[in-house]
Amino acid sequence: MDSAQRAEVAAAAFRQGDRLAAMGRFGDARSAYTAAHDVVLDLPALHQRAHERLLPVHRALGQRGAVVEDRLLLLLAPVGVFEVLRWLLLTRARLRGRALYPA
């Protein structure tokens, strides 16, 4: 799946997560947002969007560690943390001789 296809999958998961969060189904919303997150790790803007959506859900679920992680990543977004994460993930995949997202 190429990046455009993964972005479409993430957009659909974001919409589903938004509907579930609006209904107060935070566990299900977290699952939808996590599904989106997991396919956009190499797309910094969408990776950031996933953490923006996960933050209120993690708060509602009382997941303190995840809240801290989301807040830290979002705090560091202006200095390029999501671009650095992309580079690290792609470099690790290359060193292991694998694609980050196999075809």
Foldseek 3Di string as FASTA:
>chain_A
DDPVVLQVQLVVLQVVLVVCVVVVNLVVSLVSLVSNCLSCLLPLVSVLVSLVSVQVSCVSVVVVVSNVVSVVCNVCVVVPPSNVSNVVLQVVQVVVVHGSDHD
